[in-house]
PDB file of N, CA and C in Angstrom:
ATOM      1  N   MET A   1      20.546  -8.197 -31.509  1.00  0.00           N
ATOM      2  CA  MET A   1      19.868  -9.395 -31.084  1.00  0.00           C
ATOM      3  C   MET A   1      18.364  -9.152 -31.160  1.00  0.00           C
ATOM      4  N   ASN A   2      17.613 -10.167 -31.570  1.00  0.00           N
ATOM      5  CA  ASN A   2      16.183 -10.025 -31.787  1.00  0.00           C
ATOM      6  C   ASN A   2      15.432 -11.040 -30.923  1.00  0.00           C
ATOM      7  N   PHE A   3      14.476 -10.559 -30.132  1.00  0.00           N
ATOM      8  CA  PHE A   3      13.688 -11.416 -29.252  1.00  0.00           C
ATOM      9  C   PHE A   3      12.224 -11.273 -29.618  1.00  0.00           C
ATOM     10  N   GLY A   4      11.679 -12.246 -30.356  1.00  0.00           N
ATOM     11  CA  GLY A   4      10.262 -12.226 -30.706  1.00  0.00           C
ATOM     12  C   GLY A   4       9.849 -10.975 -31.449  1.00  0.00           C
ATOM     13  N   GLY A   5      10.679 -10.490 -32.340  1.00  0.00           N
ATOM     14  CA  GLY A   5      10.325  -9.318 -33.125  1.00  0.00           C
ATOM     15  C   GLY A   5      10.790  -8.006 -32.519  1.00  0.00           C
ATOM     16  N   GLU A   6      11.340  -8.040 -31.315  1.00  0.00           N
ATOM     17  CA  GLU A   6      11.825  -6.815 -30.684  1.00  0.00           C
ATOM     18  C   GLU A   6      13.328  -6.909 -30.504  1.00  0.00           C
ATOM     19  N   ASN A   7      13.987  -5.805 -30.735  1.00  0.00           N
ATOM     20  CA  ASN A   7      15.424  -5.833 -30.490  1.00  0.00           C
ATOM     21  C   ASN A   7      15.701  -5.463 -29.040  1.00  0.00           C
ATOM     22  N   MET A   8      16.913  -5.650 -28.642  1.00  0.00           N
ATOM     23  CA  MET A   8      17.309  -5.431 -27.253  1.00  0.00           C
ATOM     24  C   MET A   8      17.076  -3.982 -26.824  1.00  0.00           C
ATOM     25  N   ALA A   9      17.321  -3.022 -27.692  1.00  0.00           N
ATOM     26  CA  ALA A   9      17.126  -1.602 -27.349  1.00  0.00           C
ATOM     27  C   ALA A   9      15.656  -1.308 -27.077  1.00  0.00           C
ATOM     28  N   ASP A  10      14.751  -1.893 -27.895  1.00  0.00           N
ATOM     29  CA  ASP A  10      13.316  -1.701 -27.666  1.00  0.00           C
ATOM     30  C   ASP A  10      12.900  -2.291 -26.328  1.00  0.00           C
ATOM     31  N   MET A  11      13.399  -3.478 -26.022  1.00  0.00           N
ATOM     32  CA  MET A  11      13.062  -4.116 -24.748  1.00  0.00           C
ATOM     33  C   MET A  11      13.576  -3.293 -23.579  1.00  0.00           C
ATOM     34  N   PHE A  12      14.787  -2.781 -23.705  1.00  0.00           N
ATOM     35  CA  PHE A  12      15.365  -1.963 -22.640  1.00  0.00           C
ATOM     36  C   PHE A  12      14.535  -0.699 -22.437  1.00  0.00           C
ATOM     37  N   GLY A  13      14.114  -0.082 -23.540  1.00  0.00           N
ATOM     38  CA  GLY A  13      13.275   1.116 -23.453  1.00  0.00           C
ATOM     39  C   GLY A  13      11.965   0.835 -22.750  1.00  0.00           C
ATOM     40  N   LYS A  14      11.356  -0.295 -23.050  1.00  0.00           N
ATOM     41  CA  LYS A  14      10.096  -0.663 -22.393  1.00  0.00           C
ATOM     42  C   LYS A  14      10.301  -0.921 -20.909  1.00  0.00           C
ATOM     43  N   MET A  15      11.428  -1.532 -20.565  1.00  0.00           N
ATOM     44  CA  MET A  15      11.730  -1.778 -19.152  1.00  0.00           C
ATOM     45  C   MET A  15      11.919  -0.461 -18.411  1.00  0.00           C
ATOM     46  N   MET A  16      12.577   0.491 -19.042  1.00  0.00           N
ATOM     47  CA  MET A  16      12.777   1.796 -18.416  1.00  0.00           C
ATOM     48  C   MET A  16      11.435   2.511 -18.231  1.00  0.00           C
ATOM     49  N   ASP A  17      10.557   2.419 -19.237  1.00  0.00           N
ATOM     50  CA  ASP A  17       9.225   3.019 -19.125  1.00  0.00           C
ATOM     51  C   ASP A  17       8.456   2.395 -17.970  1.00  0.00           C
ATOM     52  N   MET A  18       8.525   1.075 -17.860  1.00  0.00           N
ATOM     53  CA  MET A  18       7.809   0.373 -16.795  1.00  0.00           C
ATOM     54  C   MET A  18       8.350   0.793 -15.430  1.00  0.00           C
ATOM     55  N   GLN A  19       9.666   0.884 -15.329  1.00  0.00           N
ATOM     56  CA  GLN A  19      10.277   1.294 -14.062  1.00  0.00           C
ATOM     57  C   GLN A  19       9.824   2.701 -13.683  1.00  0.00           C
ATOM     58  N   GLN A  20       9.755   3.608 -14.640  1.00  0.00           N
ATOM     59  CA  GLN A  20       9.312   4.974 -14.392  1.00  0.00           C
ATOM     60  C   GLN A  20       7.854   4.994 -13.936  1.00  0.00           C
ATOM     61  N   LYS A  21       6.998   4.223 -14.610  1.00  0.00           N
ATOM     62  CA  LYS A  21       5.581   4.189 -14.244  1.00  0.00           C
ATOM     63  C   LYS A  21       5.385   3.587 -12.861  1.00  0.00           C
ATOM     64  N   MET A  22       6.161   2.585 -12.520  1.00  0.00           N
ATOM     65  CA  MET A  22       6.065   1.991 -11.187  1.00  0.00           C
ATOM     66  C   MET A  22       6.493   3.007 -10.117  1.00  0.00           C
ATOM     67  N   ALA A  23       7.546   3.761 -10.384  1.00  0.00           N
ATOM     68  CA  ALA A  23       7.999   4.788  -9.436  1.00  0.00           C
ATOM     69  C   ALA A  23       6.935   5.873  -9.274  1.00  0.00           C
ATOM     70  N   GLU A  24       6.299   6.258 -10.382  1.00  0.00           N
ATOM     71  CA  GLU A  24       5.223   7.244 -10.311  1.00  0.00           C
ATOM     72  C   GLU A  24       4.041   6.711  -9.502  1.00  0.00           C
ATOM     73  N   ALA A  25       3.722   5.431  -9.687  1.00  0.00           N
ATOM     74  CA  ALA A  25       2.619   4.825  -8.938  1.00  0.00           C
ATOM     75  C   ALA A  25       2.943   4.792  -7.447  1.00  0.00           C
ATOM     76  N   GLN A  26       4.179   4.481  -7.102  1.00  0.00           N
ATOM     77  CA  GLN A  26       4.569   4.460  -5.693  1.00  0.00           C
ATOM     78  C   GLN A  26       4.485   5.857  -5.083  1.00  0.00           C
ATOM     79  N   ALA A  27       4.895   6.864  -5.829  1.00  0.00           N
ATOM     80  CA  ALA A  27       4.808   8.243  -5.327  1.00  0.00           C
ATOM     81  C   ALA A  27       3.348   8.648  -5.129  1.00  0.00           C
ATOM     82  N   ALA A  28       2.487   8.248  -6.051  1.00  0.00           N
ATOM     83  CA  ALA A  28       1.062   8.562  -5.922  1.00  0.00           C
ATOM     84  C   ALA A  28       0.459   7.843  -4.723  1.00  0.00           C
ATOM     85  N   LEU A  29       0.886   6.617  -4.476  1.00  0.00           N
ATOM     86  CA  LEU A  29       0.380   5.863  -3.326  1.00  0.00           C
ATOM     87  C   LEU A  29       0.735   6.543  -2.007  1.00  0.00           C
ATOM     88  N   ALA A  30       1.886   7.153  -1.951  1.00  0.00           N
ATOM     89  CA  ALA A  30       2.300   7.833  -0.719  1.00  0.00           C
ATOM     90  C   ALA A  30       1.360   8.985  -0.379  1.00  0.00           C
ATOM     91  N   GLN A  31       0.613   9.475  -1.382  1.00  0.00           N
ATOM     92  CA  GLN A  31      -0.328  10.572  -1.163  1.00  0.00           C
ATOM     93  C   GLN A  31      -1.722  10.077  -0.785  1.00  0.00           C
ATOM     94  N   ARG A  32      -2.000   8.795  -0.980  1.00  0.00           N
ATOM     95  CA  ARG A  32      -3.316   8.234  -0.659  1.00  0.00           C
ATOM     96  C   ARG A  32      -3.294   7.665   0.747  1.00  0.00           C
ATOM     97  N   THR A  33      -4.434   7.735   1.433  1.00  0.00           N
ATOM     98  CA  THR A  33      -4.497   7.242   2.807  1.00  0.00           C
ATOM     99  C   THR A  33      -5.697   6.330   3.019  1.00  0.00           C
ATOM    100  N   VAL A  34      -5.585   5.516   4.051  1.00  0.00           N
ATOM    101  CA  VAL A  34      -6.688   4.702   4.538  1.00  0.00           C
ATOM    102  C   VAL A  34      -6.821   4.987   6.027  1.00  0.00           C
ATOM    103  N   ILE A  35      -8.038   4.841   6.542  1.00  0.00           N
ATOM    104  CA  ILE A  35      -8.280   5.036   7.976  1.00  0.00           C
ATOM    105  C   ILE A  35      -8.872   3.748   8.527  1.00  0.00           C
ATOM    106  N   ALA A  36      -8.261   3.244   9.579  1.00  0.00           N
ATOM    107  CA  ALA A  36      -8.758   2.044  10.251  1.00  0.00           C
ATOM    108  C   ALA A  36      -9.168   2.425  11.662  1.00  0.00           C
ATOM    109  N   GLU A  37     -10.212   1.745  12.147  1.00  0.00           N
ATOM    110  CA  GLU A  37     -10.712   2.022  13.499  1.00  0.00           C
ATOM    111  C   GLU A  37     -10.568   0.796  14.380  1.00  0.00           C
ATOM    112  N   ALA A  38     -10.412   1.054  15.654  1.00  0.00           N
ATOM    113  CA  ALA A  38     -10.411  -0.003  16.669  1.00  0.00           C
ATOM    114  C   ALA A  38     -11.260   0.483  17.831  1.00  0.00           C
ATOM    115  N   GLY A  39     -11.849  -0.457  18.530  1.00  0.00           N
ATOM    116  CA  GLY A  39     -12.677  -0.095  19.683  1.00  0.00           C
ATOM    117  C   GLY A  39     -13.905   0.695  19.283  1.00  0.00           C
ATOM    118  N   GLY A  40     -14.512   0.323  18.162  1.00  0.00           N
ATOM    119  CA  GLY A  40     -15.715   1.019  17.720  1.00  0.00           C
ATOM    120  C   GLY A  40     -15.473   2.472  17.359  1.00  0.00           C
ATOM    121  N   GLY A  41     -14.273   2.772  16.893  1.00  0.00           N
ATOM    122  CA  GLY A  41     -13.956   4.141  16.493  1.00  0.00           C
ATOM    123  C   GLY A  41     -13.273   4.952  17.575  1.00  0.00           C
ATOM    124  N   MET A  42     -13.034   4.351  18.714  1.00  0.00           N
ATOM    125  CA  MET A  42     -12.375   5.085  19.797  1.00  0.00           C
ATOM    126  C   MET A  42     -10.924   5.425  19.431  1.00  0.00           C
ATOM    127  N   VAL A  43     -10.322   4.569  18.587  1.00  0.00           N
ATOM    128  CA  VAL A  43      -8.979   4.828  18.080  1.00  0.00           C
ATOM    129  C   VAL A  43      -9.054   4.763  16.563  1.00  0.00           C
ATOM    130  N   GLN A  44      -8.566   5.805  15.906  1.00  0.00           N
ATOM    131  CA  GLN A  44      -8.506   5.849  14.449  1.00  0.00           C
ATOM    132  C   GLN A  44      -7.044   6.021  14.040  1.00  0.00           C
ATOM    133  N   VAL A  45      -6.628   5.176  13.105  1.00  0.00           N
ATOM    134  CA  VAL A  45      -5.249   5.230  12.633  1.00  0.00           C
ATOM    135  C   VAL A  45      -5.272   5.453  11.124  1.00  0.00           C
ATOM    136  N   THR A  46      -4.511   6.437  10.670  1.00  0.00           N
ATOM    137  CA  THR A  46      -4.409   6.744   9.245  1.00  0.00           C
ATOM    138  C   THR A  46      -3.036   6.327   8.759  1.00  0.00           C
ATOM    139  N   ALA A  47      -3.038   5.552   7.664  1.00  0.00           N
ATOM    140  CA  ALA A  47      -1.781   5.117   7.038  1.00  0.00           C
ATOM    141  C   ALA A  47      -1.822   5.513   5.572  1.00  0.00           C
ATOM    142  N   ASN A  48      -0.653   5.739   4.998  1.00  0.00           N
ATOM    143  CA  ASN A  48      -0.617   6.061   3.570  1.00  0.00           C
ATOM    144  C   ASN A  48      -0.242   4.823   2.758  1.00  0.00           C
ATOM    145  N   GLY A  49      -0.282   4.977   1.444  1.00  0.00           N
ATOM    146  CA  GLY A  49       0.010   3.860   0.553  1.00  0.00           C
ATOM    147  C   GLY A  49       1.450   3.407   0.589  1.00  0.00           C
ATOM    148  N   ALA A  50       2.314   4.186   1.218  1.00  0.00           N
ATOM    149  CA  ALA A  50       3.707   3.775   1.424  1.00  0.00           C
ATOM    150  C   ALA A  50       3.826   2.973   2.724  1.00  0.00           C
ATOM    151  N   GLN A  51       2.675   2.676   3.319  1.00  0.00           N
ATOM    152  CA  GLN A  51       2.560   1.891   4.543  1.00  0.00           C
ATOM    153  C   GLN A  51       3.285   2.544   5.722  1.00  0.00           C
ATOM    154  N   ARG A  52       3.035   3.840   5.841  1.00  0.00           N
ATOM    155  CA  ARG A  52       3.535   4.618   6.966  1.00  0.00           C
ATOM    156  C   ARG A  52       2.344   5.182   7.722  1.00  0.00           C
ATOM    157  N   ILE A  53       2.406   5.164   9.040  1.00  0.00           N
ATOM    158  CA  ILE A  53       1.358   5.752   9.866  1.00  0.00           C
ATOM    159  C   ILE A  53       1.532   7.265   9.805  1.00  0.00           C
ATOM    160  N   VAL A  54       0.450   7.966   9.432  1.00  0.00           N
ATOM    161  CA  VAL A  54       0.547   9.423   9.310  1.00  0.00           C
ATOM    162  C   VAL A  54      -0.280  10.147  10.367  1.00  0.00           C
ATOM    163  N   ALA A  55      -1.203   9.422  11.045  1.00  0.00           N
ATOM    164  CA  ALA A  55      -1.994  10.058  12.101  1.00  0.00           C
ATOM    165  C   ALA A  55      -2.629   8.993  12.986  1.00  0.00           C
ATOM    166  N   ILE A  56      -2.786   9.348  14.253  1.00  0.00           N
ATOM    167  CA  ILE A  56      -3.527   8.523  15.214  1.00  0.00           C
ATOM    168  C   ILE A  56      -4.428   9.459  15.995  1.00  0.00           C
ATOM    169  N   LYS A  57      -5.720   9.113  16.040  1.00  0.00           N
ATOM    170  CA  LYS A  57      -6.680   9.905  16.800  1.00  0.00           C
ATOM    171  C   LYS A  57      -7.256   9.015  17.894  1.00  0.00           C
ATOM    172  N   ILE A  58      -7.244   9.497  19.110  1.00  0.00           N
ATOM    173  CA  ILE A  58      -7.746   8.744  20.264  1.00  0.00           C
ATOM    174  C   ILE A  58      -8.829   9.571  20.942  1.00  0.00           C
ATOM    175  N   GLU A  59      -9.996   8.973  21.102  1.00  0.00           N
ATOM    176  CA  GLU A  59     -11.091   9.648  21.801  1.00  0.00           C
ATOM    177  C   GLU A  59     -10.722   9.752  23.286  1.00  0.00           C
ATOM    178  N   PRO A  60     -10.907  10.905  23.888  1.00  0.00           N
ATOM    179  CA  PRO A  60     -10.540  11.094  25.297  1.00  0.00           C
ATOM    180  C   PRO A  60     -11.192  10.080  26.243  1.00  0.00           C
ATOM    181  N   ALA A  61     -12.392   9.617  25.913  1.00  0.00           N
ATOM    182  CA  ALA A  61     -13.097   8.686  26.803  1.00  0.00           C
ATOM    183  C   ALA A  61     -12.366   7.361  26.969  1.00  0.00           C
ATOM    184  N   VAL A  62     -11.518   6.997  26.016  1.00  0.00           N
ATOM    185  CA  VAL A  62     -10.820   5.715  26.096  1.00  0.00           C
ATOM    186  C   VAL A  62      -9.531   5.818  26.920  1.00  0.00           C
ATOM    187  N   VAL A  63      -9.135   7.033  27.252  1.00  0.00           N
ATOM    188  CA  VAL A  63      -7.912   7.228  28.033  1.00  0.00           C
ATOM    189  C   VAL A  63      -8.248   7.083  29.513  1.00  0.00           C
ATOM    190  N   ASN A  64      -7.853   5.957  30.069  1.00  0.00           N
ATOM    191  CA  ASN A  64      -8.081   5.661  31.481  1.00  0.00           C
ATOM    192  C   ASN A  64      -6.734   5.296  32.089  1.00  0.00           C
ATOM    193  N   PRO A  65      -6.199   6.153  32.951  1.00  0.00           N
ATOM    194  CA  PRO A  65      -4.885   5.874  33.537  1.00  0.00           C
ATOM    195  C   PRO A  65      -4.820   4.539  34.281  1.00  0.00           C
ATOM    196  N   ASP A  66      -5.980   4.035  34.717  1.00  0.00           N
ATOM    197  CA  ASP A  66      -5.992   2.758  35.428  1.00  0.00           C
ATOM    198  C   ASP A  66      -6.044   1.561  34.488  1.00  0.00           C
ATOM    199  N   ASP A  67      -6.240   1.813  33.181  1.00  0.00           N
ATOM    200  CA  ASP A  67      -6.315   0.712  32.220  1.00  0.00           C
ATOM    201  C   ASP A  67      -5.580   1.092  30.933  1.00  0.00           C
ATOM    202  N   MET A  68      -4.308   1.409  31.060  1.00  0.00           N
ATOM    203  CA  MET A  68      -3.495   1.776  29.904  1.00  0.00           C
ATOM    204  C   MET A  68      -3.315   0.595  28.950  1.00  0.00           C
ATOM    205  N   GLU A  69      -3.378  -0.612  29.477  1.00  0.00           N
ATOM    206  CA  GLU A  69      -3.215  -1.798  28.630  1.00  0.00           C
ATOM    207  C   GLU A  69      -4.301  -1.866  27.549  1.00  0.00           C
ATOM    208  N   MET A  70      -5.529  -1.488  27.898  1.00  0.00           N
ATOM    209  CA  MET A  70      -6.606  -1.505  26.911  1.00  0.00           C
ATOM    210  C   MET A  70      -6.318  -0.494  25.799  1.00  0.00           C
ATOM    211  N   LEU A  71      -5.883   0.702  26.163  1.00  0.00           N
ATOM    212  CA  LEU A  71      -5.559   1.725  25.180  1.00  0.00           C
ATOM    213  C   LEU A  71      -4.411   1.247  24.279  1.00  0.00           C
ATOM    214  N   GLU A  72      -3.403   0.666  24.867  1.00  0.00           N
ATOM    215  CA  GLU A  72      -2.280   0.151  24.085  1.00  0.00           C
ATOM    216  C   GLU A  72      -2.742  -0.918  23.103  1.00  0.00           C
ATOM    217  N   ASP A  73      -3.623  -1.811  23.552  1.00  0.00           N
ATOM    218  CA  ASP A  73      -4.156  -2.859  22.674  1.00  0.00           C
ATOM    219  C   ASP A  73      -4.960  -2.267  21.523  1.00  0.00           C
ATOM    220  N   LEU A  74      -5.756  -1.230  21.812  1.00  0.00           N
ATOM    221  CA  LEU A  74      -6.536  -0.575  20.761  1.00  0.00           C
ATOM    222  C   LEU A  74      -5.623   0.088  19.731  1.00  0.00           C
ATOM    223  N   ILE A  75      -4.560   0.701  20.198  1.00  0.00           N
ATOM    224  CA  ILE A  75      -3.615   1.352  19.280  1.00  0.00           C
ATOM    225  C   ILE A  75      -2.939   0.299  18.401  1.00  0.00           C
ATOM    226  N   ILE A  76      -2.494  -0.761  19.000  1.00  0.00           N
ATOM    227  CA  ILE A  76      -1.850  -1.840  18.226  1.00  0.00           C
ATOM    228  C   ILE A  76      -2.823  -2.406  17.192  1.00  0.00           C
ATOM    229  N   SER A  77      -4.039  -2.646  17.601  1.00  0.00           N
ATOM    230  CA  SER A  77      -5.047  -3.169  16.692  1.00  0.00           C
ATOM    231  C   SER A  77      -5.309  -2.207  15.538  1.00  0.00           C
ATOM    232  N   GLY A  78      -5.460  -0.935  15.843  1.00  0.00           N
ATOM    233  CA  GLY A  78      -5.702   0.069  14.817  1.00  0.00           C
ATOM    234  C   GLY A  78      -4.538   0.209  13.854  1.00  0.00           C
ATOM    235  N   VAL A  79      -3.340   0.186  14.372  1.00  0.00           N
ATOM    236  CA  VAL A  79      -2.149   0.294  13.525  1.00  0.00           C
ATOM    237  C   VAL A  79      -2.058  -0.916  12.593  1.00  0.00           C
ATOM    238  N   ASN A  80      -2.262  -2.098  13.141  1.00  0.00           N
ATOM    239  CA  ASN A  80      -2.187  -3.298  12.302  1.00  0.00           C
ATOM    240  C   ASN A  80      -3.255  -3.289  11.214  1.00  0.00           C
ATOM    241  N   LYS A  81      -4.474  -2.873  11.546  1.00  0.00           N
ATOM    242  CA  LYS A  81      -5.539  -2.790  10.540  1.00  0.00           C
ATOM    243  C   LYS A  81      -5.190  -1.772   9.471  1.00  0.00           C
ATOM    244  N   ALA A  82      -4.699  -0.616   9.876  1.00  0.00           N
ATOM    245  CA  ALA A  82      -4.361   0.435   8.913  1.00  0.00           C
ATOM    246  C   ALA A  82      -3.240  -0.019   7.977  1.00  0.00           C
ATOM    247  N   LEU A  83      -2.227  -0.679   8.527  1.00  0.00           N
ATOM    248  CA  LEU A  83      -1.130  -1.157   7.685  1.00  0.00           C
ATOM    249  C   LEU A  83      -1.598  -2.247   6.725  1.00  0.00           C
ATOM    250  N   ASP A  84      -2.490  -3.133   7.191  1.00  0.00           N
ATOM    251  CA  ASP A  84      -3.043  -4.163   6.310  1.00  0.00           C
ATOM    252  C   ASP A  84      -3.834  -3.534   5.166  1.00  0.00           C
ATOM    253  N   GLU A  85      -4.660  -2.543   5.491  1.00  0.00           N
ATOM    254  CA  GLU A  85      -5.456  -1.872   4.457  1.00  0.00           C
ATOM    255  C   GLU A  85      -4.571  -1.103   3.488  1.00  0.00           C
ATOM    256  N   ALA A  86      -3.533  -0.461   3.998  1.00  0.00           N
ATOM    257  CA  ALA A  86      -2.610   0.274   3.130  1.00  0.00           C
ATOM    258  C   ALA A  86      -1.864  -0.689   2.208  1.00  0.00           C
ATOM    259  N   ALA A  87      -1.463  -1.838   2.731  1.00  0.00           N
ATOM    260  CA  ALA A  87      -0.771  -2.831   1.907  1.00  0.00           C
ATOM    261  C   ALA A  87      -1.688  -3.365   0.820  1.00  0.00           C
ATOM    262  N   SER A  88      -2.949  -3.604   1.161  1.00  0.00           N
ATOM    263  CA  SER A  88      -3.905  -4.086   0.161  1.00  0.00           C
ATOM    264  C   SER A  88      -4.127  -3.047  -0.926  1.00  0.00           C
ATOM    265  N   MET A  89      -4.274  -1.789  -0.520  1.00  0.00           N
ATOM    266  CA  MET A  89      -4.456  -0.716  -1.486  1.00  0.00           C
ATOM    267  C   MET A  89      -3.244  -0.628  -2.415  1.00  0.00           C
ATOM    268  N   ALA A  90      -2.052  -0.694  -1.844  1.00  0.00           N
ATOM    269  CA  ALA A  90      -0.830  -0.605  -2.635  1.00  0.00           C
ATOM    270  C   ALA A  90      -0.722  -1.771  -3.608  1.00  0.00           C
ATOM    271  N   LYS A  91      -1.060  -2.961  -3.147  1.00  0.00           N
ATOM    272  CA  LYS A  91      -0.975  -4.141  -4.004  1.00  0.00           C
ATOM    273  C   LYS A  91      -1.898  -4.011  -5.215  1.00  0.00           C
ATOM    274  N   VAL A  92      -3.132  -3.579  -4.976  1.00  0.00           N
ATOM    275  CA  VAL A  92      -4.095  -3.412  -6.069  1.00  0.00           C
ATOM    276  C   VAL A  92      -3.594  -2.377  -7.072  1.00  0.00           C
ATOM    277  N   GLU A  93      -3.114  -1.242  -6.573  1.00  0.00           N
ATOM    278  CA  GLU A  93      -2.661  -0.181  -7.463  1.00  0.00           C
ATOM    279  C   GLU A  93      -1.415  -0.589  -8.249  1.00  0.00           C
ATOM    280  N   MET A  94      -0.498  -1.282  -7.608  1.00  0.00           N
ATOM    281  CA  MET A  94       0.715  -1.711  -8.305  1.00  0.00           C
ATOM    282  C   MET A  94       0.381  -2.789  -9.345  1.00  0.00           C
ATOM    283  N   GLN A  95      -0.587  -3.653  -9.046  1.00  0.00           N
ATOM    284  CA  GLN A  95      -1.010  -4.655 -10.025  1.00  0.00           C
ATOM    285  C   GLN A  95      -1.621  -3.969 -11.239  1.00  0.00           C
ATOM    286  N   LYS A  96      -2.433  -2.938 -10.988  1.00  0.00           N
ATOM    287  CA  LYS A  96      -3.030  -2.187 -12.098  1.00  0.00           C
ATOM    288  C   LYS A  96      -1.941  -1.564 -12.966  1.00  0.00           C
ATOM    289  N   THR A  97      -0.970  -0.941 -12.315  1.00  0.00           N
ATOM    290  CA  THR A  97       0.105  -0.270 -13.042  1.00  0.00           C
ATOM    291  C   THR A  97       0.928  -1.278 -13.832  1.00  0.00           C
ATOM    292  N   ALA A  98       1.336  -2.347 -13.182  1.00  0.00           N
ATOM    293  CA  ALA A  98       2.155  -3.355 -13.852  1.00  0.00           C
ATOM    294  C   ALA A  98       1.355  -4.075 -14.928  1.00  0.00           C
ATOM    295  N   GLY A  99       0.103  -4.373 -14.634  1.00  0.00           N
ATOM    296  CA  GLY A  99      -0.735  -5.097 -15.586  1.00  0.00           C
ATOM    297  C   GLY A  99      -0.985  -4.328 -16.855  1.00  0.00           C
ATOM    298  N   SER A 100      -1.017  -3.018 -16.771  1.00  0.00           N
ATOM    299  CA  SER A 100      -1.269  -2.218 -17.967  1.00  0.00           C
ATOM    300  C   SER A 100      -0.062  -2.194 -18.903  1.00  0.00           C
ATOM    301  N   MET A 101       1.077  -2.648 -18.411  1.00  0.00           N
ATOM    302  CA  MET A 101       2.290  -2.607 -19.221  1.00  0.00           C
ATOM    303  C   MET A 101       2.761  -3.986 -19.672  1.00  0.00           C
ATOM    304  N   LEU A 102       2.068  -5.041 -19.218  1.00  0.00           N
ATOM    305  CA  LEU A 102       2.510  -6.396 -19.529  1.00  0.00           C
ATOM    306  C   LEU A 102       1.618  -7.033 -20.587  1.00  0.00           C
ATOM    307  N   PRO A 103       2.151  -8.040 -21.240  1.00  0.00           N
ATOM    308  CA  PRO A 103       1.342  -8.736 -22.243  1.00  0.00           C
ATOM    309  C   PRO A 103       0.118  -9.395 -21.605  1.00  0.00           C
ATOM    310  N   PRO A 104      -1.000  -9.477 -22.335  1.00  0.00           N
ATOM    311  CA  PRO A 104      -2.186 -10.122 -21.796  1.00  0.00           C
ATOM    312  C   PRO A 104      -1.902 -11.564 -21.398  1.00  0.00           C
ATOM    313  N   GLY A 105      -2.493 -11.972 -20.289  1.00  0.00           N
ATOM    314  CA  GLY A 105      -2.335 -13.353 -19.832  1.00  0.00           C
ATOM    315  C   GLY A 105      -1.165 -13.597 -18.909  1.00  0.00           C
ATOM    316  N   LEU A 106      -0.274 -12.622 -18.756  1.00  0.00           N
ATOM    317  CA  LEU A 106       0.869 -12.794 -17.865  1.00  0.00           C
ATOM    318  C   LEU A 106       0.395 -12.581 -16.440  1.00  0.00           C
ATOM    319  N   ASP A 107       0.528 -13.598 -15.594  1.00  0.00           N
ATOM    320  CA  ASP A 107       0.056 -13.560 -14.217  1.00  0.00           C
ATOM    321  C   ASP A 107       1.200 -13.155 -13.296  1.00  0.00           C
ATOM    322  N   LEU A 108       0.994 -12.036 -12.587  1.00  0.00           N
ATOM    323  CA  LEU A 108       2.024 -11.564 -11.650  1.00  0.00           C
ATOM    324  C   LEU A 108       1.854 -12.154 -10.258  1.00  0.00           C
ATOM    325  N   GLY A 109       0.817 -12.947 -10.044  1.00  0.00           N
ATOM    326  CA  GLY A 109       0.565 -13.528  -8.726  1.00  0.00           C
ATOM    327  C   GLY A 109       1.720 -14.347  -8.204  1.00  0.00           C
ATOM    328  N   SER A 110       2.400 -15.039  -9.088  1.00  0.00           N
ATOM    329  CA  SER A 110       3.522 -15.867  -8.655  1.00  0.00           C
ATOM    330  C   SER A 110       4.715 -15.027  -8.224  1.00  0.00           C
ATOM    331  N   LEU A 111       4.709 -13.756  -8.597  1.00  0.00           N
ATOM    332  CA  LEU A 111       5.801 -12.863  -8.200  1.00  0.00           C
ATOM    333  C   LEU A 111       5.453 -12.055  -6.954  1.00  0.00           C
ATOM    334  N   GLY A 112       4.278 -12.300  -6.391  1.00  0.00           N
ATOM    335  CA  GLY A 112       3.870 -11.576  -5.197  1.00  0.00           C
ATOM    336  C   GLY A 112       3.269 -10.214  -5.494  1.00  0.00           C
ATOM    337  N   LEU A 113       2.931  -9.946  -6.752  1.00  0.00           N
ATOM    338  CA  LEU A 113       2.329  -8.661  -7.115  1.00  0.00           C
ATOM    339  C   LEU A 113       0.853  -8.796  -7.328  1.00  0.00           C
TER     340      LEU A 113
END
């Protein structure tokens, strides 16, 4: 069978190459990190490109046993910022990877990429 000058085996090979490159990009993203701060840097949260929290740093001055709610809010804020930044980083990198393998003019925005 022939699709626009390419046979089915060629198309399948290209799909396999794309799948491999996407898997490699995802593995590379897991090694990259972003750091988000909350409370003016009192809480720092590090997330990787796989959108996993890998570290949380809390300045001792923000730990007040009489106001644990503030510390909890700072942690939640920092985690959410870090995950948002990690997701943005991953999206950009995956678009680059996918875009380099697709025909010019093909918009992946409608697919959520």
